[in-house]
N, C-alpha and C. Protein backbone atom coordinates (compact mmCIF):
# COMPACT_ATOMS: atom_id res chain seq x y z
N MET A 1 6.33 -44.98 35.49
CA MET A 1 6.81 -43.63 35.37
C MET A 1 8.33 -43.58 35.56
N LYS A 2 8.84 -44.33 36.53
CA LYS A 2 10.27 -44.36 36.79
C LYS A 2 11.02 -44.94 35.59
N LYS A 3 10.40 -45.92 34.94
CA LYS A 3 11.04 -46.55 33.80
C LYS A 3 11.18 -45.55 32.66
N LYS A 4 10.16 -44.72 32.43
CA LYS A 4 10.23 -43.71 31.38
C LYS A 4 11.29 -42.66 31.71
N SER A 5 11.38 -42.28 32.97
CA SER A 5 12.38 -41.31 33.39
C SER A 5 13.79 -41.87 33.20
N LEU A 6 13.96 -43.14 33.52
CA LEU A 6 15.26 -43.78 33.36
C LEU A 6 15.64 -43.85 31.88
N ILE A 7 14.70 -44.22 31.05
CA ILE A 7 14.97 -44.30 29.61
C ILE A 7 15.29 -42.91 29.06
N ALA A 8 14.54 -41.91 29.48
CA ALA A 8 14.80 -40.54 29.03
C ALA A 8 16.19 -40.08 29.47
N ALA A 9 16.57 -40.42 30.68
CA ALA A 9 17.90 -40.04 31.18
C ALA A 9 18.99 -40.74 30.39
N LEU A 10 18.80 -42.01 30.06
CA LEU A 10 19.80 -42.74 29.27
C LEU A 10 19.92 -42.16 27.86
N VAL A 11 18.79 -41.83 27.26
CA VAL A 11 18.82 -41.24 25.92
C VAL A 11 19.54 -39.90 25.96
N LEU A 12 19.27 -39.10 26.98
CA LEU A 12 19.91 -37.80 27.12
C LEU A 12 21.42 -37.96 27.30
N MET A 13 21.83 -38.93 28.11
CA MET A 13 23.26 -39.17 28.31
C MET A 13 23.93 -39.63 27.02
N ALA A 14 23.26 -40.48 26.28
CA ALA A 14 23.81 -40.97 25.01
C ALA A 14 23.94 -39.83 24.02
N ALA A 15 22.94 -38.96 23.95
CA ALA A 15 23.00 -37.83 23.03
C ALA A 15 24.11 -36.86 23.43
N ALA A 16 24.31 -36.67 24.70
CA ALA A 16 25.36 -35.76 25.17
C ALA A 16 26.75 -36.30 24.88
N SER A 17 26.89 -37.60 24.77
CA SER A 17 28.21 -38.18 24.53
C SER A 17 28.54 -38.31 23.05
N LEU A 18 27.61 -37.98 22.15
CA LEU A 18 27.87 -38.12 20.71
C LEU A 18 29.05 -37.28 20.23
N PRO A 19 29.21 -36.01 20.65
CA PRO A 19 30.39 -35.28 20.18
C PRO A 19 31.70 -35.96 20.55
N ALA A 20 31.75 -36.62 21.68
CA ALA A 20 32.97 -37.33 22.07
C ALA A 20 33.25 -38.50 21.14
N LEU A 21 32.21 -39.09 20.60
CA LEU A 21 32.38 -40.23 19.69
C LEU A 21 32.70 -39.79 18.27
N ALA A 22 32.60 -38.51 17.99
CA ALA A 22 32.86 -38.02 16.64
C ALA A 22 34.26 -38.34 16.19
N ASP A 23 35.19 -38.37 17.10
CA ASP A 23 36.57 -38.70 16.74
C ASP A 23 36.97 -40.05 17.29
N GLU A 24 36.06 -40.98 17.26
CA GLU A 24 36.32 -42.34 17.71
C GLU A 24 37.45 -42.93 16.88
N TYR A 25 38.39 -43.59 17.53
CA TYR A 25 39.58 -44.06 16.84
C TYR A 25 39.35 -45.30 15.98
N GLY A 26 38.28 -46.01 16.16
CA GLY A 26 38.02 -47.17 15.30
C GLY A 26 37.67 -46.75 13.89
N ARG A 27 37.20 -45.53 13.75
CA ARG A 27 36.85 -44.99 12.44
C ARG A 27 37.82 -43.87 12.14
N HIS A 28 37.73 -43.25 11.02
CA HIS A 28 38.70 -42.23 10.62
C HIS A 28 38.49 -40.94 11.42
N PRO A 29 39.34 -40.70 12.43
CA PRO A 29 39.10 -39.57 13.33
C PRO A 29 39.72 -38.26 12.88
N PHE A 30 40.38 -38.24 11.76
CA PHE A 30 41.22 -37.09 11.43
C PHE A 30 40.60 -36.14 10.41
N TYR A 31 39.41 -36.45 9.91
CA TYR A 31 38.80 -35.59 8.91
C TYR A 31 38.53 -34.19 9.44
N LEU A 32 37.99 -34.07 10.64
CA LEU A 32 37.63 -32.76 11.18
C LEU A 32 38.87 -31.89 11.36
N HIS A 33 39.93 -32.48 11.85
CA HIS A 33 41.17 -31.73 12.03
C HIS A 33 41.75 -31.33 10.67
N ALA A 34 41.70 -32.23 9.72
CA ALA A 34 42.21 -31.93 8.38
C ALA A 34 41.39 -30.82 7.73
N LEU A 35 40.08 -30.84 7.92
CA LEU A 35 39.23 -29.79 7.35
C LEU A 35 39.57 -28.43 7.95
N SER A 36 39.81 -28.38 9.25
CA SER A 36 40.21 -27.12 9.88
C SER A 36 41.54 -26.62 9.32
N ASP A 37 42.48 -27.53 9.16
CA ASP A 37 43.78 -27.14 8.61
C ASP A 37 43.66 -26.68 7.15
N LEU A 38 42.78 -27.33 6.38
CA LEU A 38 42.57 -26.89 5.00
C LEU A 38 41.98 -25.48 4.96
N ARG A 39 41.03 -25.21 5.85
CA ARG A 39 40.45 -23.87 5.88
C ARG A 39 41.51 -22.82 6.24
N MET A 40 42.38 -23.15 7.18
CA MET A 40 43.45 -22.22 7.56
C MET A 40 44.44 -22.05 6.40
N ALA A 41 44.76 -23.12 5.68
CA ALA A 41 45.66 -23.01 4.54
C ALA A 41 45.04 -22.10 3.47
N ALA A 42 43.75 -22.26 3.22
CA ALA A 42 43.07 -21.39 2.25
C ALA A 42 43.13 -19.93 2.71
N TRP A 43 42.93 -19.70 3.99
CA TRP A 43 42.98 -18.35 4.52
C TRP A 43 44.37 -17.76 4.30
N LYS A 44 45.40 -18.57 4.54
CA LYS A 44 46.77 -18.10 4.36
C LYS A 44 47.03 -17.69 2.92
N VAL A 45 46.54 -18.48 1.97
CA VAL A 45 46.77 -18.16 0.56
C VAL A 45 45.94 -16.94 0.16
N GLU A 46 44.73 -16.82 0.66
CA GLU A 46 43.83 -15.73 0.27
C GLU A 46 44.25 -14.38 0.84
N HIS A 47 44.83 -14.35 2.02
CA HIS A 47 45.10 -13.09 2.70
C HIS A 47 46.52 -12.61 2.41
N ARG A 48 46.59 -11.82 1.38
CA ARG A 48 47.87 -11.28 0.92
C ARG A 48 48.11 -9.92 1.53
N ARG A 49 49.37 -9.60 1.72
CA ARG A 49 49.76 -8.25 2.12
C ARG A 49 49.87 -7.41 0.85
N PRO A 50 49.70 -6.11 0.95
CA PRO A 50 49.81 -5.26 -0.25
C PRO A 50 51.15 -5.42 -0.96
N GLU A 51 52.23 -5.64 -0.22
CA GLU A 51 53.54 -5.78 -0.85
C GLU A 51 53.75 -7.13 -1.52
N ASP A 52 52.78 -8.05 -1.37
CA ASP A 52 52.91 -9.36 -2.01
C ASP A 52 52.65 -9.31 -3.51
N GLY A 53 52.14 -8.19 -4.02
CA GLY A 53 51.89 -8.08 -5.45
C GLY A 53 50.59 -8.74 -5.86
N ASN A 54 50.47 -9.01 -7.14
CA ASN A 54 49.24 -9.59 -7.69
C ASN A 54 49.13 -11.07 -7.35
N VAL A 55 47.91 -11.55 -7.37
CA VAL A 55 47.68 -12.97 -7.14
C VAL A 55 48.21 -13.74 -8.35
N SER A 56 49.03 -14.71 -8.07
CA SER A 56 49.57 -15.50 -9.18
C SER A 56 48.56 -16.57 -9.58
N ARG A 57 48.74 -17.06 -10.79
CA ARG A 57 47.88 -18.13 -11.29
C ARG A 57 48.01 -19.37 -10.40
N ASP A 58 49.23 -19.63 -9.92
CA ASP A 58 49.46 -20.78 -9.05
C ASP A 58 48.64 -20.68 -7.76
N GLU A 59 48.58 -19.47 -7.20
CA GLU A 59 47.84 -19.31 -5.95
C GLU A 59 46.36 -19.58 -6.15
N GLN A 60 45.82 -19.20 -7.29
CA GLN A 60 44.41 -19.48 -7.56
C GLN A 60 44.18 -20.98 -7.71
N VAL A 61 45.13 -21.68 -8.34
CA VAL A 61 45.03 -23.14 -8.47
C VAL A 61 45.08 -23.78 -7.08
N VAL A 62 45.98 -23.29 -6.22
CA VAL A 62 46.08 -23.82 -4.86
C VAL A 62 44.73 -23.67 -4.16
N LEU A 63 44.13 -22.49 -4.25
CA LEU A 63 42.83 -22.27 -3.61
C LEU A 63 41.75 -23.19 -4.17
N ASP A 64 41.73 -23.33 -5.50
CA ASP A 64 40.73 -24.21 -6.12
C ASP A 64 40.90 -25.65 -5.64
N GLU A 65 42.14 -26.11 -5.56
CA GLU A 65 42.40 -27.49 -5.11
C GLU A 65 42.05 -27.66 -3.63
N ILE A 66 42.34 -26.65 -2.81
CA ILE A 66 42.00 -26.74 -1.39
C ILE A 66 40.49 -26.81 -1.23
N HIS A 67 39.76 -25.97 -1.96
CA HIS A 67 38.29 -25.99 -1.84
C HIS A 67 37.71 -27.31 -2.36
N ALA A 68 38.31 -27.87 -3.41
CA ALA A 68 37.87 -29.17 -3.90
C ALA A 68 38.14 -30.26 -2.86
N ALA A 69 39.32 -30.19 -2.22
CA ALA A 69 39.65 -31.17 -1.17
C ALA A 69 38.69 -31.04 0.00
N ILE A 70 38.34 -29.82 0.37
CA ILE A 70 37.38 -29.62 1.46
C ILE A 70 36.06 -30.30 1.12
N GLY A 71 35.58 -30.13 -0.11
CA GLY A 71 34.32 -30.77 -0.50
C GLY A 71 34.38 -32.28 -0.42
N GLU A 72 35.46 -32.87 -0.91
CA GLU A 72 35.59 -34.33 -0.88
C GLU A 72 35.69 -34.84 0.56
N LEU A 73 36.51 -34.17 1.37
CA LEU A 73 36.71 -34.65 2.73
C LEU A 73 35.50 -34.40 3.62
N GLN A 74 34.73 -33.36 3.32
CA GLN A 74 33.47 -33.17 4.05
C GLN A 74 32.52 -34.32 3.78
N HIS A 75 32.49 -34.76 2.52
CA HIS A 75 31.62 -35.89 2.19
C HIS A 75 32.10 -37.17 2.88
N ALA A 76 33.41 -37.40 2.87
CA ALA A 76 33.96 -38.58 3.54
C ALA A 76 33.67 -38.51 5.04
N ALA A 77 33.83 -37.33 5.62
CA ALA A 77 33.57 -37.18 7.06
C ALA A 77 32.10 -37.41 7.37
N TRP A 78 31.23 -36.91 6.50
CA TRP A 78 29.79 -37.10 6.69
C TRP A 78 29.45 -38.59 6.63
N LEU A 79 30.00 -39.31 5.66
CA LEU A 79 29.76 -40.76 5.57
C LEU A 79 30.31 -41.48 6.78
N ASP A 80 31.37 -40.93 7.37
CA ASP A 80 32.00 -41.54 8.54
C ASP A 80 31.30 -41.15 9.84
N GLY A 81 30.23 -40.35 9.72
CA GLY A 81 29.45 -39.99 10.90
C GLY A 81 30.01 -38.82 11.69
N LYS A 82 30.86 -38.03 11.07
CA LYS A 82 31.45 -36.88 11.76
C LYS A 82 30.51 -35.68 11.64
N PRO A 83 30.49 -34.82 12.67
CA PRO A 83 29.67 -33.60 12.60
C PRO A 83 30.41 -32.53 11.80
N ILE A 84 30.22 -32.50 10.48
CA ILE A 84 31.03 -31.64 9.62
C ILE A 84 30.78 -30.15 9.85
N GLU A 85 29.69 -29.81 10.50
CA GLU A 85 29.46 -28.39 10.77
C GLU A 85 30.30 -27.88 11.94
N TRP A 86 30.86 -28.81 12.71
CA TRP A 86 31.70 -28.44 13.85
C TRP A 86 33.08 -28.03 13.35
N ARG A 87 33.67 -27.00 13.93
CA ARG A 87 34.98 -26.51 13.54
C ARG A 87 36.01 -26.83 14.61
N GLU A 88 36.90 -27.74 14.30
CA GLU A 88 37.97 -28.09 15.23
C GLU A 88 39.08 -27.05 15.09
N PRO A 89 39.75 -26.71 16.20
CA PRO A 89 40.85 -25.74 16.10
C PRO A 89 41.97 -26.27 15.21
N THR A 90 42.65 -25.36 14.53
CA THR A 90 43.79 -25.76 13.69
C THR A 90 44.97 -26.13 14.59
N ASP A 91 46.02 -26.64 13.98
CA ASP A 91 47.20 -27.07 14.74
C ASP A 91 47.80 -25.93 15.57
N ALA A 92 47.95 -24.80 14.95
CA ALA A 92 48.55 -23.68 15.67
C ALA A 92 48.29 -22.40 14.90
N TRP A 93 48.32 -21.29 15.62
CA TRP A 93 48.22 -20.01 14.94
C TRP A 93 49.56 -19.75 14.28
N LEU A 94 49.52 -19.34 13.04
CA LEU A 94 50.75 -19.12 12.29
C LEU A 94 50.88 -17.63 11.96
N PRO A 95 52.08 -17.09 12.00
CA PRO A 95 52.25 -15.68 11.68
C PRO A 95 51.92 -15.40 10.21
N ARG A 96 51.60 -14.18 9.92
CA ARG A 96 51.19 -13.83 8.57
C ARG A 96 52.36 -13.90 7.58
N GLN A 97 53.58 -13.68 8.06
CA GLN A 97 54.73 -13.77 7.18
C GLN A 97 54.89 -15.21 6.71
N GLY A 98 55.34 -15.36 5.49
CA GLY A 98 55.55 -16.71 4.96
C GLY A 98 54.26 -17.47 4.78
N ARG A 99 53.24 -16.78 4.28
CA ARG A 99 51.91 -17.38 4.20
C ARG A 99 51.89 -18.61 3.30
N LEU A 100 52.64 -18.60 2.19
CA LEU A 100 52.67 -19.78 1.34
C LEU A 100 53.41 -20.93 2.02
N HIS A 101 54.46 -20.60 2.75
CA HIS A 101 55.17 -21.64 3.51
C HIS A 101 54.26 -22.22 4.58
N ALA A 102 53.48 -21.35 5.24
CA ALA A 102 52.54 -21.83 6.26
C ALA A 102 51.48 -22.72 5.62
N ALA A 103 51.00 -22.34 4.43
CA ALA A 103 50.00 -23.15 3.73
C ALA A 103 50.59 -24.52 3.38
N VAL A 104 51.84 -24.55 2.94
CA VAL A 104 52.50 -25.82 2.62
C VAL A 104 52.60 -26.69 3.87
N ASP A 105 53.00 -26.10 4.99
CA ASP A 105 53.08 -26.86 6.25
C ASP A 105 51.73 -27.44 6.63
N LEU A 106 50.68 -26.63 6.51
CA LEU A 106 49.33 -27.12 6.84
C LEU A 106 48.90 -28.23 5.88
N LEU A 107 49.19 -28.06 4.60
CA LEU A 107 48.81 -29.09 3.62
C LEU A 107 49.54 -30.40 3.89
N ARG A 108 50.78 -30.32 4.33
CA ARG A 108 51.51 -31.56 4.69
C ARG A 108 50.85 -32.25 5.88
N LYS A 109 50.41 -31.46 6.87
CA LYS A 109 49.72 -32.04 8.02
C LYS A 109 48.40 -32.67 7.59
N VAL A 110 47.69 -32.00 6.69
CA VAL A 110 46.43 -32.55 6.18
C VAL A 110 46.69 -33.89 5.49
N ARG A 111 47.72 -33.93 4.67
CA ARG A 111 48.04 -35.17 3.95
C ARG A 111 48.32 -36.30 4.92
N PHE A 112 49.08 -36.00 5.97
CA PHE A 112 49.40 -37.01 6.98
C PHE A 112 48.12 -37.48 7.67
N ASP A 113 47.24 -36.55 8.03
CA ASP A 113 46.00 -36.92 8.73
C ASP A 113 45.06 -37.74 7.86
N VAL A 114 44.91 -37.35 6.61
CA VAL A 114 43.91 -37.98 5.74
C VAL A 114 44.41 -39.30 5.16
N ALA A 115 45.70 -39.48 5.03
CA ALA A 115 46.24 -40.68 4.39
C ALA A 115 46.17 -41.92 5.27
N ARG A 116 45.63 -41.79 6.44
CA ARG A 116 45.51 -42.96 7.32
C ARG A 116 44.47 -43.93 6.78
N GLU A 117 44.53 -45.15 7.29
CA GLU A 117 43.61 -46.18 6.81
C GLU A 117 42.16 -45.79 7.06
N GLU A 118 41.33 -45.98 6.05
CA GLU A 118 39.90 -45.68 6.15
C GLU A 118 39.14 -47.00 6.26
N ASP A 119 38.36 -47.14 7.34
CA ASP A 119 37.61 -48.36 7.58
C ASP A 119 36.36 -48.48 6.72
N ASP A 120 35.75 -47.37 6.40
CA ASP A 120 34.47 -47.37 5.69
C ASP A 120 34.72 -47.37 4.19
N PRO A 121 34.36 -48.44 3.49
CA PRO A 121 34.61 -48.49 2.04
C PRO A 121 33.86 -47.41 1.27
N ARG A 122 32.74 -46.91 1.81
CA ARG A 122 32.00 -45.84 1.13
C ARG A 122 32.78 -44.53 1.15
N SER A 123 33.62 -44.33 2.16
CA SER A 123 34.36 -43.08 2.30
C SER A 123 35.67 -43.08 1.50
N ARG A 124 36.17 -44.26 1.17
CA ARG A 124 37.49 -44.33 0.53
C ARG A 124 37.60 -43.54 -0.77
N PRO A 125 36.62 -43.58 -1.68
CA PRO A 125 36.78 -42.78 -2.91
C PRO A 125 36.88 -41.28 -2.62
N TYR A 126 36.12 -40.80 -1.65
CA TYR A 126 36.18 -39.38 -1.30
C TYR A 126 37.52 -39.06 -0.63
N GLN A 127 37.98 -39.98 0.20
CA GLN A 127 39.28 -39.80 0.84
C GLN A 127 40.38 -39.72 -0.23
N GLN A 128 40.35 -40.63 -1.19
CA GLN A 128 41.39 -40.66 -2.23
C GLN A 128 41.33 -39.42 -3.12
N ARG A 129 40.12 -38.99 -3.50
CA ARG A 129 40.00 -37.77 -4.31
C ARG A 129 40.44 -36.55 -3.50
N GLY A 130 40.10 -36.53 -2.22
CA GLY A 130 40.55 -35.44 -1.36
C GLY A 130 42.06 -35.39 -1.29
N LEU A 131 42.70 -36.56 -1.13
CA LEU A 131 44.16 -36.62 -1.11
C LEU A 131 44.76 -36.14 -2.43
N ALA A 132 44.13 -36.49 -3.54
CA ALA A 132 44.64 -36.04 -4.84
C ALA A 132 44.59 -34.51 -4.93
N HIS A 133 43.51 -33.91 -4.43
CA HIS A 133 43.41 -32.45 -4.43
C HIS A 133 44.45 -31.83 -3.48
N VAL A 134 44.66 -32.44 -2.34
CA VAL A 134 45.67 -31.94 -1.40
C VAL A 134 47.05 -32.01 -2.05
N ASP A 135 47.34 -33.13 -2.71
CA ASP A 135 48.65 -33.27 -3.38
C ASP A 135 48.82 -32.22 -4.48
N ALA A 136 47.75 -31.97 -5.24
CA ALA A 136 47.82 -30.96 -6.30
C ALA A 136 48.04 -29.57 -5.70
N ALA A 137 47.33 -29.26 -4.61
CA ALA A 137 47.51 -27.97 -3.94
C ALA A 137 48.92 -27.84 -3.39
N LEU A 138 49.42 -28.90 -2.80
CA LEU A 138 50.76 -28.89 -2.22
C LEU A 138 51.82 -28.67 -3.30
N GLY A 139 51.72 -29.40 -4.38
CA GLY A 139 52.69 -29.24 -5.47
C GLY A 139 52.64 -27.85 -6.08
N THR A 140 51.44 -27.32 -6.27
CA THR A 140 51.30 -25.99 -6.86
C THR A 140 51.79 -24.91 -5.91
N ALA A 141 51.53 -25.07 -4.61
CA ALA A 141 52.03 -24.09 -3.62
C ALA A 141 53.55 -24.09 -3.60
N GLN A 142 54.15 -25.27 -3.68
CA GLN A 142 55.62 -25.34 -3.71
C GLN A 142 56.16 -24.69 -4.98
N HIS A 143 55.46 -24.87 -6.08
CA HIS A 143 55.85 -24.24 -7.34
C HIS A 143 55.75 -22.72 -7.21
N ALA A 144 54.69 -22.23 -6.57
CA ALA A 144 54.52 -20.78 -6.37
C ALA A 144 55.65 -20.21 -5.51
N ILE A 145 56.04 -20.95 -4.49
CA ILE A 145 57.16 -20.51 -3.65
C ILE A 145 58.44 -20.41 -4.49
N GLY A 146 58.66 -21.39 -5.34
CA GLY A 146 59.82 -21.36 -6.24
C GLY A 146 59.77 -20.16 -7.18
N ASP A 147 58.58 -19.84 -7.70
CA ASP A 147 58.43 -18.67 -8.57
C ASP A 147 58.78 -17.38 -7.82
N VAL A 148 58.33 -17.28 -6.57
CA VAL A 148 58.63 -16.09 -5.77
C VAL A 148 60.14 -15.99 -5.55
N ARG A 149 60.78 -17.10 -5.25
CA ARG A 149 62.24 -17.09 -5.04
C ARG A 149 62.97 -16.66 -6.31
N ARG A 150 62.54 -17.21 -7.47
CA ARG A 150 63.18 -16.85 -8.73
C ARG A 150 62.97 -15.37 -9.04
N HIS A 151 61.77 -14.88 -8.76
CA HIS A 151 61.47 -13.46 -8.99
C HIS A 151 62.33 -12.58 -8.09
N ASP A 152 62.47 -12.97 -6.82
CA ASP A 152 63.29 -12.21 -5.88
C ASP A 152 64.75 -12.19 -6.31
N LEU A 153 65.25 -13.31 -6.84
CA LEU A 153 66.64 -13.36 -7.29
C LEU A 153 66.86 -12.45 -8.49
N ARG A 154 65.87 -12.37 -9.38
CA ARG A 154 65.99 -11.51 -10.56
C ARG A 154 65.97 -10.04 -10.20
N THR A 155 65.25 -9.68 -9.16
CA THR A 155 65.12 -8.26 -8.80
C THR A 155 66.24 -7.77 -7.91
N GLU A 156 67.08 -8.64 -7.41
CA GLU A 156 68.19 -8.21 -6.53
C GLU A 156 69.30 -7.58 -7.29
């Protein structure tokens, strides 16, 4: 009876420590953080103020690329044994002003987090496709910022 209790206690302790192992450094620990930052970047692009005008085509492309990156990186994280349903806090709360600039900053952080070496060869294709989507979102967001600047210069 004592042996069964001991085994049950060990199993319970091992199960309780699994969330701590989710970001084990021997494997790719940055997917969860990158996913949180991607969700925040999408929120920044989606939540416009009334004075921001109509949604530009670039902003829709940014959102599409962010959502595609989320899908790829969720798959990579799942293959890497990460609890993808868990939501890690983003880097920082960002003010609503400069939402496209905030999205660019978050996308740069995502790129830095995801571009690290991936140990699991099964995850690498998803990691690379996710990075390609992040790069496309980043480039398009920067283009949208340039369009806003050009528009502001014309209206002055």
